[in-house]
C-alpha cells in the first residue's frame, strides 16, 4: 500500500499503472556513476514510494546559495499571498509566460496547490523573470511531497542551485532564448535529416526549436516526464537536450513521408509528443537519447555562452517578437553570381544559430574585384565568420563556412599555417547537396575533451582583458579543448600568398591557387569528405560573404 502522504494531491483513479508502488523499496547506492546507471535503467521508476525518497535525497544534495527559502518560509507567507482565494482561481505569476499547469493526474487540491506554490516562489525569487518550465516541475514534485511546504522547498532548492557548472532550469528570457539557439545548433549537427525537414516546411525554423522545452515540460505524458526528471536530477541540463533531440528524431522517422504544413508543424510536434506512447516507450526514448554522442558539457556551456553574448549584443534580453530566419536572405536585395536565394537560404540554415539572424553581406566577388587572392584577403579581413562560394567552369558549386577571421593567417610569418575551429564545414550544392562537418562531431571517439580549466585563456595581447567571462574563454569547438591523435583532424583553414586551403590531412577539401584560376578537391581527414566537385577544376567565379547584423545597416 502506498504511503498516503505521497498521494494527497493525486487523483488515484487517473494514475497510470507505471507509477504504482511495484518496484524496490530502498536505494543503498551512494556513488554517482552507479546512481547514473540506476536512473537511466529506471530502477525507481516503478516504485512510487522509492521515487519520492530518491527525489528528496537528490534535491537535498543540490548545492544552494546560503539563504534559500525552506518549508517554514512557505508556512509563514502562503496565507498573506494567497488570501481567501481558492487555489484553482489563483492567477499564475508572469514568469511562467502563460504556460498552463500540466494536470499530471493531480486532483483539484493538487492543481490549486501548484498555483499557490508558484505564487510563493515568485514572492521569494524576484530575480526569476522567465521560467516556463517551472509549472511542470512543481506539478511533478507535488506527487512526491508530503505537503505543499515540502514541495515549495524542493522547487526553491532547484532554483537556488549555486554550482556554476550545474545548470538546472532557465530563469530569464536571455537564458531561455540562448538555450533555444543552442538546441537549434545541436539539431543542426546531430539531427540533420530532421533539420532539413524543419527548414523545408517551416517559415521560421527557430520558432519551431523555441518550443523544445514545452515538449518536455508540458506535452510529455507524466510517466515519460517522470523518467526524464529521474535522470535530469542526477545528470543535469544536458539530459534535456538529449531527450528533445531524440523526440525530434522519432518525429522525423514517423512523419518524414507525410505532408506537413508550415503553419502547423509546431502543433504537429506537440501532438506527436502528447501521443508519444503510440510510437515509443519511455525506455526506448531514453535509449535513443543516450545513444546520441553529444558534445561534452563544457562545449555546450561554451556554445550557450556564445549564444547569450550574441543576444546581448543584439539587445535581446527580454521577450520580443523574433524576425523570421528566412527573411535574413531577402529575395529582393540578394544577388549572387553563384547561388540562388533558395540555395543561400539552405546554406543559412546550416550556420550557427547566433549568426542565423544576420543578413548576407557580399565581401568579395571575383567578377567585381578581380581574380586575386591578395584582394580576397583584403576584402575579408576583419570579418568573422565568412562564407566561401566557388563555381567551376563545369557549373559545379561548392564552398565552406569558415569560423575565423582570415587575418589569423598573418600569425604564421608568411608561412602556410592552419587555424579555425570545429564549427567550420565544407559543402557542395551542385550537382547535389552535401555538407561535411568536422570529423570529431560524428566520431567523438577520436578525441577526449581536456579539463574545463584548460579552456580558460587570456585575451590576445592586442586586446584588453574583458570582465565578461565569455570573452576569456576559448571559442566553441576550439581544438585546444580536445586531445586529438594528430594535427590532421584540425586543419580547418589556411592561407598564404599563393594558395588558400580548406581542410587538411591526407589531402585537402579545397585548394585554390593565388590567381583564383585553378583548384582541386579531395578527401581530407579534418572533414572526412568526398571530393566537393571535379577533383581538378577551373574556377568560373569566387565569392566571399560576411554576416551583417540587421541593426547595423
Protein backbone atom coordinates (compact mmCIF):
# COMPACT_ATOMS: atom_id res chain seq x y z
CA UNK A 1 0.00 0.00 0.00
CA UNK A 2 1.36 3.45 -0.92
CA UNK A 3 2.19 5.89 1.87
CA UNK A 4 -0.85 8.18 1.97
CA UNK A 5 1.32 11.27 2.46
CA UNK A 6 2.67 10.91 -1.05
CA UNK A 7 -0.76 10.75 -2.61
CA UNK A 8 -2.83 13.51 -1.03
CA UNK A 9 -2.64 15.69 -4.17
CA UNK A 10 -3.16 12.88 -6.67
CA UNK A 11 -6.31 11.63 -8.37
CA UNK A 12 -5.81 7.93 -7.80
CA UNK A 13 -8.33 6.97 -10.49
CA UNK A 14 -6.27 8.74 -13.16
CA UNK A 15 -2.90 7.39 -12.13
CA UNK A 16 -1.14 5.29 -14.72
CA UNK A 17 -0.12 1.78 -13.68
CA UNK A 18 3.51 2.62 -14.47
CA UNK A 19 3.85 4.81 -11.41
CA UNK A 20 2.23 2.50 -8.87
CA UNK A 21 4.22 1.05 -5.99
CA UNK A 22 5.52 -2.12 -7.65
CA UNK A 23 9.31 -1.77 -7.50
CA UNK A 24 12.11 -1.88 -4.90
CA UNK A 25 11.62 -0.04 -1.62
CA UNK A 26 15.16 1.10 -0.83
CA UNK A 27 18.21 2.55 -2.59
CA UNK A 28 21.58 1.95 -0.97
CA UNK A 29 23.98 3.20 -3.64
CA UNK A 30 25.99 6.36 -2.98
CA UNK A 31 28.41 6.51 -5.93
CA UNK A 32 27.43 8.95 -8.69
CA UNK A 33 28.39 6.55 -11.51
CA UNK A 34 26.13 3.82 -10.10
CA UNK A 35 23.34 6.31 -9.43
CA UNK A 36 23.54 7.46 -13.07
CA UNK A 37 23.22 3.90 -14.25
CA UNK A 38 20.26 3.17 -11.98
CA UNK A 39 18.49 6.37 -13.05
CA UNK A 40 18.91 5.54 -16.73
CA UNK A 41 17.72 1.98 -16.14
CA UNK A 42 14.62 3.21 -14.28
CA UNK A 43 15.47 1.49 -11.00
CA UNK A 44 12.95 3.54 -9.02
CA UNK A 45 10.58 4.29 -11.91
CA UNK A 46 8.00 1.69 -10.84
CA UNK A 47 8.14 2.43 -7.13
CA UNK A 48 6.09 5.48 -6.22
CA UNK A 49 7.41 5.49 -2.66
CA UNK A 50 11.09 4.98 -3.59
CA UNK A 51 10.99 7.69 -6.25
CA UNK A 52 9.78 10.10 -3.57
CA UNK A 53 12.67 9.14 -1.28
CA UNK A 54 15.21 9.46 -4.10
CA UNK A 55 13.90 12.87 -5.13
CA UNK A 56 14.19 14.14 -1.56
CA UNK A 57 17.76 12.86 -1.32
CA UNK A 58 18.89 14.24 -4.68
CA UNK A 59 17.32 17.65 -4.13
CA UNK A 60 18.69 17.86 -0.59
CA UNK A 61 22.19 17.36 -2.04
CA UNK A 62 21.89 20.26 -4.52
CA UNK A 63 24.42 22.95 -3.54
CA UNK A 64 22.38 26.12 -2.89
CA UNK A 65 23.02 29.72 -2.01
CA UNK A 66 23.19 30.43 1.71
CA UNK A 67 19.71 31.92 2.07
CA UNK A 68 17.29 29.56 0.32
CA UNK A 69 13.60 29.63 1.30
CA UNK A 70 12.51 26.45 3.08
CA UNK A 71 9.26 24.87 4.21
CA UNK A 72 8.92 27.18 7.22
CA UNK A 73 9.06 30.24 4.93
CA UNK A 74 6.16 28.84 2.92
CA UNK A 75 4.10 28.34 6.06
CA UNK A 76 4.76 31.96 7.03
CA UNK A 77 3.90 33.61 3.70
CA UNK A 78 1.28 31.47 1.94
CA UNK A 79 -1.68 32.93 3.84
CA UNK A 80 -0.64 36.52 3.13
CA UNK A 81 -0.02 35.89 -0.57
CA UNK A 82 -2.99 33.68 -1.39
CA UNK A 83 -5.51 35.29 0.93
CA UNK A 84 -9.04 33.88 0.69
CA UNK A 85 -8.78 32.80 -2.95
CA UNK A 86 -9.34 29.17 -3.81
CA UNK A 87 -6.27 27.56 -5.33
CA UNK A 88 -7.67 26.91 -8.81
CA UNK A 89 -8.82 30.54 -9.20
CA UNK A 90 -5.39 31.98 -8.46
CA UNK A 91 -3.51 33.70 -11.30
CA UNK A 92 -0.15 32.35 -12.40
CA UNK A 93 2.96 34.52 -12.00
CA UNK A 94 4.17 36.36 -15.08
CA UNK A 95 7.42 34.41 -15.31
CA UNK A 96 5.62 31.26 -16.49
CA UNK A 97 4.74 33.14 -19.73
CA UNK A 98 1.15 31.86 -19.96
CA UNK A 99 2.28 28.26 -19.60
CA UNK A 100 -0.56 26.12 -18.32
CA UNK A 101 -0.14 23.85 -15.31
CA UNK A 102 0.04 20.22 -16.54
CA UNK A 103 -2.55 18.12 -14.77
CA UNK A 104 -0.22 15.13 -14.28
CA UNK A 105 -3.08 13.23 -12.62
CA UNK A 106 -3.39 15.80 -9.84
CA UNK A 107 -6.75 16.27 -8.16
CA UNK A 108 -8.38 19.68 -7.68
CA UNK A 109 -6.50 20.20 -4.44
CA UNK A 110 -3.22 19.42 -6.20
CA UNK A 111 -3.88 21.77 -9.13
CA UNK A 112 -4.65 24.59 -6.70
CA UNK A 113 -1.54 23.78 -4.66
CA UNK A 114 0.68 24.20 -7.72
CA UNK A 115 -0.65 27.74 -8.25
CA UNK A 116 -0.13 28.63 -4.58
CA UNK A 117 3.43 27.34 -4.63
CA UNK A 118 4.27 29.20 -7.85
CA UNK A 119 2.97 32.49 -6.41
CA UNK A 120 5.04 32.00 -3.26
CA UNK A 121 8.12 31.23 -5.36
CA UNK A 122 7.53 34.46 -7.31
CA UNK A 123 7.45 36.32 -3.99
CA UNK A 124 10.75 34.83 -2.82
CA UNK A 125 12.60 34.92 -6.16
CA UNK A 126 12.05 38.38 -7.68
CA UNK A 127 15.11 37.78 -9.91
CA UNK A 128 13.34 34.90 -11.72
CA UNK A 129 11.82 36.71 -14.71
CA UNK A 130 11.16 33.91 -17.22
CA UNK A 131 10.73 30.26 -16.28
CA UNK A 132 8.00 28.46 -18.29
CA UNK A 133 9.35 25.05 -17.17
CA UNK A 134 8.51 25.64 -13.51
CA UNK A 135 4.78 24.68 -13.50
CA UNK A 136 5.65 21.19 -14.75
CA UNK A 137 8.48 20.83 -12.22
CA UNK A 138 6.24 21.86 -9.32
CA UNK A 139 3.38 19.63 -10.50
CA UNK A 140 5.67 16.61 -10.63
CA UNK A 141 7.36 17.35 -7.31
CA UNK A 142 3.94 17.65 -5.69
CA UNK A 143 3.41 13.95 -6.39
CA UNK A 144 6.36 13.13 -4.16
CA UNK A 145 5.93 15.71 -1.40
CA UNK A 146 4.22 15.21 1.94
CA UNK A 147 2.71 18.69 1.81
CA UNK A 148 2.81 21.98 -0.10
CA UNK A 149 5.61 23.37 2.06
CA UNK A 150 7.94 20.49 1.24
CA UNK A 151 7.20 20.85 -2.48
CA UNK A 152 7.92 24.60 -2.21
CA UNK A 153 11.25 23.93 -0.51
CA UNK A 154 12.29 21.38 -3.14
CA UNK A 155 11.42 23.71 -6.01
CA UNK A 156 13.32 26.53 -4.31
CA UNK A 157 16.44 24.38 -3.99
CA UNK A 158 16.35 23.66 -7.74
CA UNK A 159 16.10 27.39 -8.46
CA UNK A 160 18.76 28.33 -5.90
CA UNK A 161 21.46 25.93 -7.13
CA UNK A 162 24.74 27.88 -6.99
CA UNK A 163 27.07 25.40 -8.69
CA UNK A 164 28.14 27.28 -11.86
CA UNK A 165 28.79 24.01 -13.69
CA UNK A 166 25.36 22.59 -12.84
CA UNK A 167 22.63 24.47 -14.66
CA UNK A 168 19.14 23.16 -13.83
CA UNK A 169 16.39 25.46 -15.15
CA UNK A 170 16.42 28.68 -17.19
CA UNK A 171 15.29 31.64 -15.08
CA UNK A 172 15.50 34.57 -17.54
CA UNK A 173 14.45 35.15 -21.12
CA UNK A 174 18.10 35.57 -22.09
CA UNK A 175 18.97 32.13 -20.69
CA UNK A 176 15.84 30.58 -22.22
CA UNK A 177 16.42 32.08 -25.67
CA UNK A 178 20.09 31.11 -25.74
CA UNK A 179 19.06 27.56 -24.76
CA UNK A 180 16.69 27.52 -27.74
CA UNK A 181 19.52 28.69 -30.00
CA UNK A 182 21.83 26.06 -28.54
CA UNK A 183 19.21 23.38 -29.15
CA UNK A 184 18.92 24.58 -32.76
CA UNK A 185 22.71 24.29 -33.12
CA UNK A 186 22.59 20.74 -31.75
CA UNK A 187 19.74 19.76 -34.10
CA UNK A 188 21.76 21.17 -36.99
CA UNK A 189 24.68 18.90 -36.09
CA UNK A 190 23.06 15.75 -34.70
CA UNK A 191 19.65 15.55 -36.43
CA UNK A 192 20.48 16.70 -39.94
CA UNK A 193 17.62 14.82 -41.62
CA UNK A 194 15.06 16.25 -39.19
CA UNK A 195 16.62 19.72 -39.52
CA UNK A 196 16.33 19.53 -43.30
CA UNK A 197 12.64 18.66 -42.96
CA UNK A 198 12.04 21.53 -40.49
CA UNK A 199 13.74 24.02 -42.82
CA UNK A 200 11.67 22.78 -45.75
CA UNK A 201 8.29 23.09 -44.03
CA UNK A 202 8.81 25.96 -41.55
CA UNK A 203 8.61 29.62 -42.31
CA UNK A 204 10.81 30.17 -39.27
CA UNK A 205 12.66 27.08 -38.07
CA UNK A 206 13.95 28.91 -34.97
CA UNK A 207 10.35 29.32 -33.79
CA UNK A 208 9.92 25.54 -34.03
CA UNK A 209 13.04 24.92 -31.95
CA UNK A 210 11.97 27.59 -29.43
CA UNK A 211 9.25 25.11 -28.47
CA UNK A 212 11.68 22.40 -27.38
CA UNK A 213 11.26 22.88 -23.63
CA UNK A 214 7.49 22.74 -23.95
CA UNK A 215 7.83 19.26 -25.47
CA UNK A 216 9.42 18.12 -22.21
CA UNK A 217 7.80 20.39 -19.61
CA UNK A 218 4.15 20.11 -20.51
CA UNK A 219 3.46 17.88 -23.52
CA UNK A 220 5.21 14.67 -22.45
CA UNK A 221 2.87 12.32 -20.55
CA UNK A 222 3.51 12.02 -16.83
CA UNK A 223 5.20 8.61 -16.94
CA UNK A 224 7.63 9.85 -19.61
CA UNK A 225 8.37 13.18 -17.95
CA UNK A 226 8.99 11.48 -14.61
CA UNK A 227 11.57 9.17 -16.25
CA UNK A 228 13.29 12.16 -17.83
CA UNK A 229 13.23 14.00 -14.49
CA UNK A 230 14.76 10.97 -12.74
CA UNK A 231 17.86 11.25 -14.92
CA UNK A 232 17.81 15.06 -15.01
CA UNK A 233 18.17 15.30 -11.22
CA UNK A 234 21.25 13.09 -11.40
CA UNK A 235 22.93 14.32 -14.60
CA UNK A 236 21.65 17.87 -15.15
CA UNK A 237 20.51 20.06 -18.03
CA UNK A 238 22.31 18.18 -20.81
CA UNK A 239 19.77 15.35 -20.40
CA UNK A 240 17.02 17.72 -21.58
CA UNK A 241 18.86 18.42 -24.84
CA UNK A 242 19.36 14.69 -25.37
CA UNK A 243 15.69 13.80 -24.88
CA UNK A 244 14.44 16.67 -27.07
CA UNK A 245 16.82 15.59 -29.86
CA UNK A 246 15.53 12.02 -29.52
CA UNK A 247 11.93 13.26 -29.75
CA UNK A 248 12.76 15.12 -32.96
CA UNK A 249 14.45 12.04 -34.41
CA UNK A 250 11.35 9.91 -33.71
CA UNK A 251 9.06 12.62 -35.10
CA UNK A 252 11.08 12.71 -38.31
CA UNK A 253 11.03 8.91 -38.57
CA UNK A 254 7.24 8.81 -38.23
CA UNK A 255 6.34 11.90 -40.25
CA UNK A 256 9.06 12.12 -42.93
CA UNK A 257 6.86 10.68 -45.66
CA UNK A 258 3.71 12.54 -44.66
CA UNK A 259 2.66 16.06 -45.70
CA UNK A 260 3.48 18.82 -43.21
CA UNK A 261 2.20 22.38 -43.33
CA UNK A 262 4.31 25.40 -42.39
CA UNK A 263 1.66 26.89 -40.09
CA UNK A 264 1.02 23.65 -38.22
CA UNK A 265 4.41 21.99 -37.74
CA UNK A 266 4.72 23.27 -34.14
CA UNK A 267 1.28 21.89 -33.32
CA UNK A 268 2.13 18.64 -35.13
CA UNK A 269 5.19 18.10 -32.94
CA UNK A 270 3.26 18.96 -29.78
CA UNK A 271 0.54 16.47 -30.71
CA UNK A 272 3.18 13.84 -31.50
CA UNK A 273 4.75 14.32 -28.06
CA UNK A 274 1.39 14.15 -26.27
CA UNK A 275 0.68 10.84 -28.05
CA UNK A 276 4.25 9.57 -27.95
CA UNK A 277 3.13 6.32 -26.31
CA UNK A 278 1.81 5.27 -29.74
CA UNK A 279 5.36 5.43 -31.09
CA UNK A 280 7.91 4.65 -28.42
CA UNK A 281 8.17 3.61 -24.76
CA UNK A 282 9.90 5.77 -22.12
CA UNK A 283 12.75 3.25 -22.08
CA UNK A 284 13.26 3.43 -25.85
CA UNK A 285 13.09 7.23 -25.78
CA UNK A 286 15.89 7.40 -23.20
CA UNK A 287 17.84 4.71 -25.03
CA UNK A 288 17.74 6.83 -28.19
CA UNK A 289 18.64 9.96 -26.19
CA UNK A 290 21.76 8.43 -24.69
CA UNK A 291 22.83 6.88 -27.99
CA UNK A 292 23.40 10.43 -29.32
CA UNK A 293 27.12 11.13 -28.91
CA UNK A 294 26.67 14.70 -27.80
CA UNK A 295 29.31 17.37 -27.17
CA UNK A 296 30.79 17.48 -23.68
CA UNK A 297 29.02 19.57 -21.06
CA UNK A 298 31.93 22.01 -21.25
CA UNK A 299 31.49 22.55 -25.00
CA UNK A 300 27.74 23.02 -24.63
CA UNK A 301 28.42 25.58 -21.89
CA UNK A 302 30.75 27.48 -24.24
CA UNK A 303 28.14 27.38 -27.02
CA UNK A 304 25.45 28.61 -24.62
CA UNK A 305 27.69 31.49 -23.53
CA UNK A 306 28.43 32.41 -27.14
CA UNK A 307 24.70 32.48 -27.89
CA UNK A 308 23.98 34.58 -24.80
CA UNK A 309 26.68 37.03 -25.82
CA UNK A 310 25.23 37.32 -29.33
CA UNK A 311 21.77 38.03 -27.89
CA UNK A 312 23.15 40.69 -25.55
CA UNK A 313 24.93 42.35 -28.46
CA UNK A 314 21.62 42.48 -30.32
CA UNK A 315 19.87 43.87 -27.25
CA UNK A 316 17.63 40.82 -26.92
CA UNK A 317 17.35 40.28 -23.17
CA UNK A 318 13.57 40.36 -22.74
CA UNK A 319 10.85 38.61 -24.68
CA UNK A 320 10.15 40.12 -28.08
CA UNK A 321 8.93 39.00 -31.48
CA UNK A 322 11.64 37.21 -33.39
CA UNK A 323 12.46 38.02 -37.01
CA UNK A 324 11.72 35.18 -39.41
CA UNK A 325 15.00 33.48 -40.26
CA UNK A 326 14.03 33.18 -43.93
CA UNK A 327 13.88 36.96 -44.09
CA UNK A 328 17.62 37.07 -43.31
CA UNK A 329 18.14 36.37 -47.01
CA UNK A 330 15.90 38.93 -48.72
CA UNK A 331 14.81 37.89 -52.21
CA UNK A 332 14.52 41.49 -53.37
CA UNK A 333 18.04 42.61 -52.47
CA UNK A 334 20.11 39.43 -52.57
CA UNK A 335 22.17 38.82 -55.69
CA UNK A 336 24.89 36.27 -56.27
CA UNK A 337 26.59 35.07 -59.44
CA UNK A 338 26.92 31.62 -57.87
CA UNK A 339 23.86 30.68 -55.79
CA UNK A 340 20.12 31.37 -55.87
CA UNK A 341 18.10 32.82 -52.99
CA UNK A 342 16.83 29.34 -52.13
CA UNK A 343 20.34 27.88 -52.13
CA UNK A 344 21.61 30.69 -49.92
CA UNK A 345 18.72 30.10 -47.51
CA UNK A 346 19.66 26.42 -47.38
CA UNK A 347 23.24 27.36 -46.52
CA UNK A 348 21.97 29.87 -43.92
CA UNK A 349 20.04 27.05 -42.23
CA UNK A 350 23.38 25.30 -41.59
CA UNK A 351 25.20 28.17 -39.88
CA UNK A 352 25.30 28.50 -36.06
CA UNK A 353 22.13 30.00 -34.59
CA UNK A 354 23.90 33.10 -33.28
CA UNK A 355 24.59 34.14 -36.90
CA UNK A 356 21.36 32.87 -38.47
CA UNK A 357 19.54 36.18 -37.96
CA UNK A 358 22.33 38.11 -39.64
CA UNK A 359 22.00 39.03 -43.30
CA UNK A 360 24.48 38.06 -46.02
CA UNK A 361 26.95 40.80 -46.90
CA UNK A 362 28.96 40.40 -50.11
CA UNK A 363 32.61 40.97 -49.21
CA UNK A 364 34.36 39.73 -52.34
CA UNK A 365 33.33 38.81 -55.86
CA UNK A 366 35.90 37.75 -58.46
CA UNK A 367 33.69 39.31 -61.12
CA UNK A 368 33.76 42.68 -59.28
CA UNK A 369 37.13 42.68 -57.55
CA UNK A 370 39.21 40.58 -59.91
CA UNK A 371 40.78 37.15 -59.70
CA UNK A 372 43.31 37.93 -56.97
CA UNK A 373 43.86 36.08 -53.70
CA UNK A 374 45.52 39.19 -52.22
CA UNK A 375 42.37 41.21 -52.92
CA UNK A 376 40.28 38.36 -51.49
CA UNK A 377 42.15 38.59 -48.17
CA UNK A 378 41.94 42.39 -48.15
CA UNK A 379 38.17 42.31 -48.60
CA UNK A 380 37.60 39.56 -46.00
CA UNK A 381 39.89 40.62 -43.16
CA UNK A 382 38.02 41.99 -40.18
CA UNK A 383 35.00 39.75 -40.81
CA UNK A 384 34.23 36.64 -38.78
CA UNK A 385 32.76 34.22 -39.77
CA UNK A 386 32.76 34.16 -43.58
CA UNK A 387 31.22 32.02 -46.29
CA UNK A 388 33.27 30.95 -49.32
CA UNK A 389 31.42 30.07 -52.55
CA UNK A 390 33.03 28.62 -55.68
CA UNK A 391 31.54 27.98 -59.11
CA UNK A 392 33.55 25.89 -61.57
CA UNK A 393 33.55 26.18 -65.35
CA UNK A 394 31.57 22.91 -65.31
CA UNK A 395 28.81 24.71 -63.33
CA UNK A 396 29.59 22.78 -60.14
CA UNK A 397 29.07 24.76 -56.93
CA UNK A 398 30.83 24.14 -53.62
CA UNK A 399 32.13 26.12 -50.68
CA UNK A 400 32.93 26.38 -46.99
CA UNK A 401 31.71 28.04 -43.80
CA UNK A 402 34.81 29.47 -42.11
CA UNK A 403 34.65 30.34 -38.43
CA UNK A 404 37.70 32.56 -38.09
CA UNK A 405 38.94 35.91 -39.46
CA UNK A 406 41.38 35.44 -42.37
CA UNK A 407 43.75 37.89 -40.65
CA UNK A 408 44.76 34.99 -38.36
CA UNK A 409 46.94 33.72 -41.22
CA UNK A 410 49.38 36.57 -40.51
CA UNK A 411 50.43 34.93 -37.24
CA UNK A 412 52.46 32.37 -39.17
CA UNK A 413 55.02 34.83 -40.54
CA UNK A 414 54.32 34.30 -44.20
CA UNK A 415 54.21 30.51 -43.95
CA UNK A 416 51.03 28.50 -44.52
CA UNK A 417 49.59 27.52 -41.13
CA UNK A 418 46.18 26.18 -40.20
CA UNK A 419 43.73 27.90 -37.87
CA UNK A 420 39.93 27.97 -37.28
CA UNK A 421 37.57 25.94 -35.09
CA UNK A 422 35.39 22.85 -35.32
CA UNK A 423 32.42 24.96 -36.43
CA UNK A 424 33.95 25.12 -39.93
CA UNK A 425 32.32 22.91 -42.55
CA UNK A 426 32.54 22.32 -46.30
CA UNK A 427 29.72 21.60 -48.74
CA UNK A 428 28.65 21.18 -52.32
CA UNK A 429 25.40 22.40 -53.87
CA UNK A 430 25.66 21.31 -57.49
CA UNK A 431 25.22 18.70 -58.82
CA UNK A 432 23.79 17.52 -55.45
CA UNK A 433 23.67 18.94 -51.93
CA UNK A 434 26.03 17.51 -49.32
CA UNK A 435 27.55 19.02 -46.16
CA UNK A 436 30.65 17.73 -44.37
CA UNK A 437 31.31 18.82 -40.79
CA UNK A 438 34.32 18.40 -38.57
CA UNK A 439 35.10 14.68 -38.29
CA UNK A 440 35.09 14.82 -34.46
CA UNK A 441 31.37 15.69 -34.40
CA UNK A 442 30.38 12.34 -35.86
CA UNK A 443 33.35 10.45 -34.42
CA UNK A 444 33.94 11.75 -30.88
CA UNK A 445 35.89 8.57 -30.13
CA UNK A 446 38.81 10.22 -31.95
CA UNK A 447 39.34 12.56 -29.04
CA UNK A 448 38.97 13.06 -25.32
CA UNK A 449 37.99 16.52 -24.02
CA UNK A 450 40.53 18.27 -21.83
CA UNK A 451 39.65 19.79 -18.47
CA UNK A 452 37.42 22.86 -18.19
CA UNK A 453 40.34 24.84 -16.73
CA UNK A 454 42.28 24.33 -19.94
CA UNK A 455 39.78 26.33 -21.98
CA UNK A 456 40.21 29.45 -19.87
CA UNK A 457 42.50 31.59 -21.98
CA UNK A 458 43.63 35.20 -21.70
CA UNK A 459 42.53 37.63 -24.34
CA UNK A 460 45.02 38.23 -27.19
CA UNK A 461 47.77 40.72 -26.30
CA UNK A 462 46.32 43.37 -28.60
CA UNK A 463 43.02 43.40 -26.71
CA UNK A 464 42.48 44.41 -23.07
CA UNK A 465 41.21 41.78 -20.67
CA UNK A 466 37.44 41.79 -20.51
CA UNK A 467 35.35 41.34 -17.40
CA UNK A 468 32.95 39.21 -19.44
CA UNK A 469 33.75 35.50 -18.80
CA UNK A 470 32.60 34.71 -22.34
CA UNK A 471 35.50 36.83 -23.63
CA UNK A 472 38.01 34.93 -21.51
CA UNK A 473 37.02 31.51 -22.86
CA UNK A 474 38.31 29.83 -25.96
CA UNK A 475 35.81 29.66 -28.82
CA UNK A 476 33.28 26.86 -29.03
CA UNK A 477 34.96 23.75 -30.54
CA UNK A 478 38.48 25.22 -30.34
CA UNK A 479 40.98 22.42 -30.92
CA UNK A 480 42.77 23.15 -27.62
CA UNK A 481 39.74 21.62 -25.85
CA UNK A 482 40.44 18.20 -27.37
CA UNK A 483 43.19 15.61 -27.14
CA UNK A 484 43.48 14.85 -30.85
CA UNK A 485 45.66 11.92 -32.04
CA UNK A 486 47.29 14.19 -34.66
CA UNK A 487 47.00 17.63 -36.19
CA UNK A 488 45.40 16.26 -39.35
CA UNK A 489 41.97 16.26 -37.66
CA UNK A 490 42.16 20.02 -37.00
CA UNK A 491 43.40 21.54 -40.26
CA UNK A 492 40.43 23.82 -40.85
CA UNK A 493 41.66 26.77 -42.93
CA UNK A 494 44.99 28.17 -44.10
CA UNK A 495 46.10 30.95 -46.41
CA UNK A 496 49.35 32.01 -47.99
CA UNK A 497 50.28 34.42 -50.75
CA UNK A 498 50.00 31.79 -53.44
CA UNK A 499 47.22 29.50 -52.20
CA UNK A 500 44.16 29.09 -49.98
CA UNK A 501 43.48 25.72 -48.30
CA UNK A 502 40.37 24.39 -46.54
CA UNK A 503 40.76 21.07 -44.72
CA UNK A 504 43.91 19.00 -44.47
CA UNK A 505 45.41 15.66 -43.58
CA UNK A 506 45.66 13.03 -46.31
CA UNK A 507 44.50 15.60 -48.85
CA UNK A 508 42.66 18.89 -48.99
CA UNK A 509 38.94 19.55 -49.13
CA UNK A 510 39.67 22.68 -51.19
CA UNK A 511 42.86 24.12 -52.65
CA UNK A 512 42.73 27.37 -54.66
CA UNK A 513 45.75 28.97 -56.33
CA UNK A 514 46.82 32.58 -55.92
CA UNK A 515 45.25 33.67 -59.20
CA UNK A 516 41.83 32.21 -58.24
CA UNK A 517 42.04 30.35 -61.51
CA UNK A 518 42.57 26.68 -60.68
CA UNK A 519 41.65 24.47 -57.80
CA UNK A 520 41.49 20.92 -56.61
CA UNK A 521 39.43 18.94 -54.10
CA UNK A 522 39.72 15.57 -52.44
CA UNK A 523 39.23 13.65 -49.23
CA UNK A 524 40.76 15.17 -46.09
CA UNK A 525 40.97 13.92 -42.51
CA UNK A 526 39.56 17.12 -40.99
CA UNK A 527 36.14 16.79 -42.63
CA UNK A 528 36.26 13.16 -43.81
CA UNK A 529 34.68 14.41 -47.03
CA UNK A 530 34.29 13.19 -50.56
CA UNK A 531 35.53 15.49 -53.37
CA UNK A 532 33.31 18.57 -53.49
CA UNK A 533 33.36 18.75 -57.30
CA UNK A 534 35.67 17.54 -60.10
CA UNK A 535 38.98 16.77 -58.41
CA UNK A 536 40.86 19.27 -60.58
CA UNK A 537 38.76 22.23 -61.68
CA UNK A 538 38.87 25.62 -63.33
CA UNK A 539 37.18 28.48 -61.47
CA UNK A 540 34.41 30.50 -63.08
CA UNK A 541 33.61 32.65 -60.02
CA UNK A 542 34.54 33.06 -56.36
CA UNK A 543 32.54 34.93 -53.72
CA UNK A 544 33.04 35.58 -50.02
CA UNK A 545 30.12 36.59 -47.83
CA UNK A 546 30.06 38.05 -44.36
CA UNK A 547 27.31 38.17 -41.73
CA UNK A 548 25.76 41.57 -41.13
CA UNK A 549 23.58 42.36 -38.13
CA UNK A 550 20.34 43.91 -39.49
CA UNK A 551 20.54 46.60 -36.79
CA UNK A 552 23.91 47.87 -38.06
CA UNK A 553 22.87 48.54 -41.65
